[in-house]
Protein backbone atom coordinates (compact mmCIF):
# COMPACT_ATOMS: atom_id res chain seq x y z
CA MET A 1 80.19 83.12 89.41
CA THR A 2 83.62 83.49 89.20
CA ILE A 3 83.96 86.90 88.88
CA LEU A 4 81.69 87.38 92.41
CA LEU A 5 84.32 84.81 93.81
CA GLY A 6 87.57 86.91 92.34
CA ILE A 7 85.94 90.15 93.49
CA GLY A 8 85.55 88.60 96.92
CA LEU A 9 88.94 87.11 96.71
CA MET A 10 90.31 90.81 96.29
CA ILE A 11 88.35 92.14 99.09
CA LEU A 12 90.01 89.87 101.72
CA ALA A 13 93.17 90.12 100.08
CA ILE A 14 93.25 93.72 100.54
CA PHE A 15 91.89 93.81 104.10
CA ALA A 16 94.46 90.72 105.43
CA ILE A 17 97.29 93.24 103.45
CA ALA A 18 96.21 96.19 105.16
CA GLY A 19 95.97 94.86 108.75
CA ASN A 20 99.48 92.50 107.96
CA ILE A 21 101.09 96.30 107.53
CA SER A 22 99.56 98.13 110.10
CA ASN A 23 100.77 95.30 112.80
CA SER A 24 104.54 95.38 111.00
CA LYS A 25 104.52 98.80 112.05
CA GLN A 26 103.22 98.57 115.43
CA PHE A 27 105.04 95.98 116.26
CA GLY A 28 108.29 97.17 114.42
CA ARG A 29 108.50 93.88 112.15
CA LYS A 30 109.58 93.33 108.92
CA ILE A 31 106.66 94.09 106.44
CA MET A 32 107.67 91.58 103.82
CA SER A 33 106.51 88.13 105.30
CA ASN A 34 105.83 84.73 104.23
CA ARG A 35 102.20 85.69 105.21
CA LEU A 36 102.24 88.77 103.04
CA ILE A 37 103.73 86.83 99.92
CA ILE A 38 100.35 84.74 99.79
CA TYR A 39 97.96 87.54 100.44
CA ILE A 40 99.56 89.27 97.34
CA LEU A 41 99.39 85.73 95.33
CA ILE A 42 95.91 85.56 96.76
CA LEU A 43 95.03 88.91 95.23
CA VAL A 44 96.67 88.03 91.96
CA GLY A 45 94.39 85.15 91.92
CA GLY A 46 91.34 87.01 92.49
CA LEU A 47 92.44 89.20 89.78
CA VAL A 48 92.78 86.21 87.08
CA LEU A 49 89.07 85.00 88.02
CA ILE A 50 87.36 88.36 87.17
CA ILE A 51 89.43 88.39 83.85
CA LEU A 52 88.81 84.73 83.53
C-alpha cells in the first residue's frame, strides 16, 4: 500500500515540478522558488515510501 502511495506522490510531484518550471519560463520568474523546494521534498518522500 505504501508503494502505491509513494508512486502516486512521485507522479504528482513530477507534474507539479514540470508545471512550475514551464510557468517560470513563460512569465520570466525565477525557477527556484519555495514552492519548487516543497515539490522536490514531496518527490523524495515518495521515493522513501517506495523503498520502505
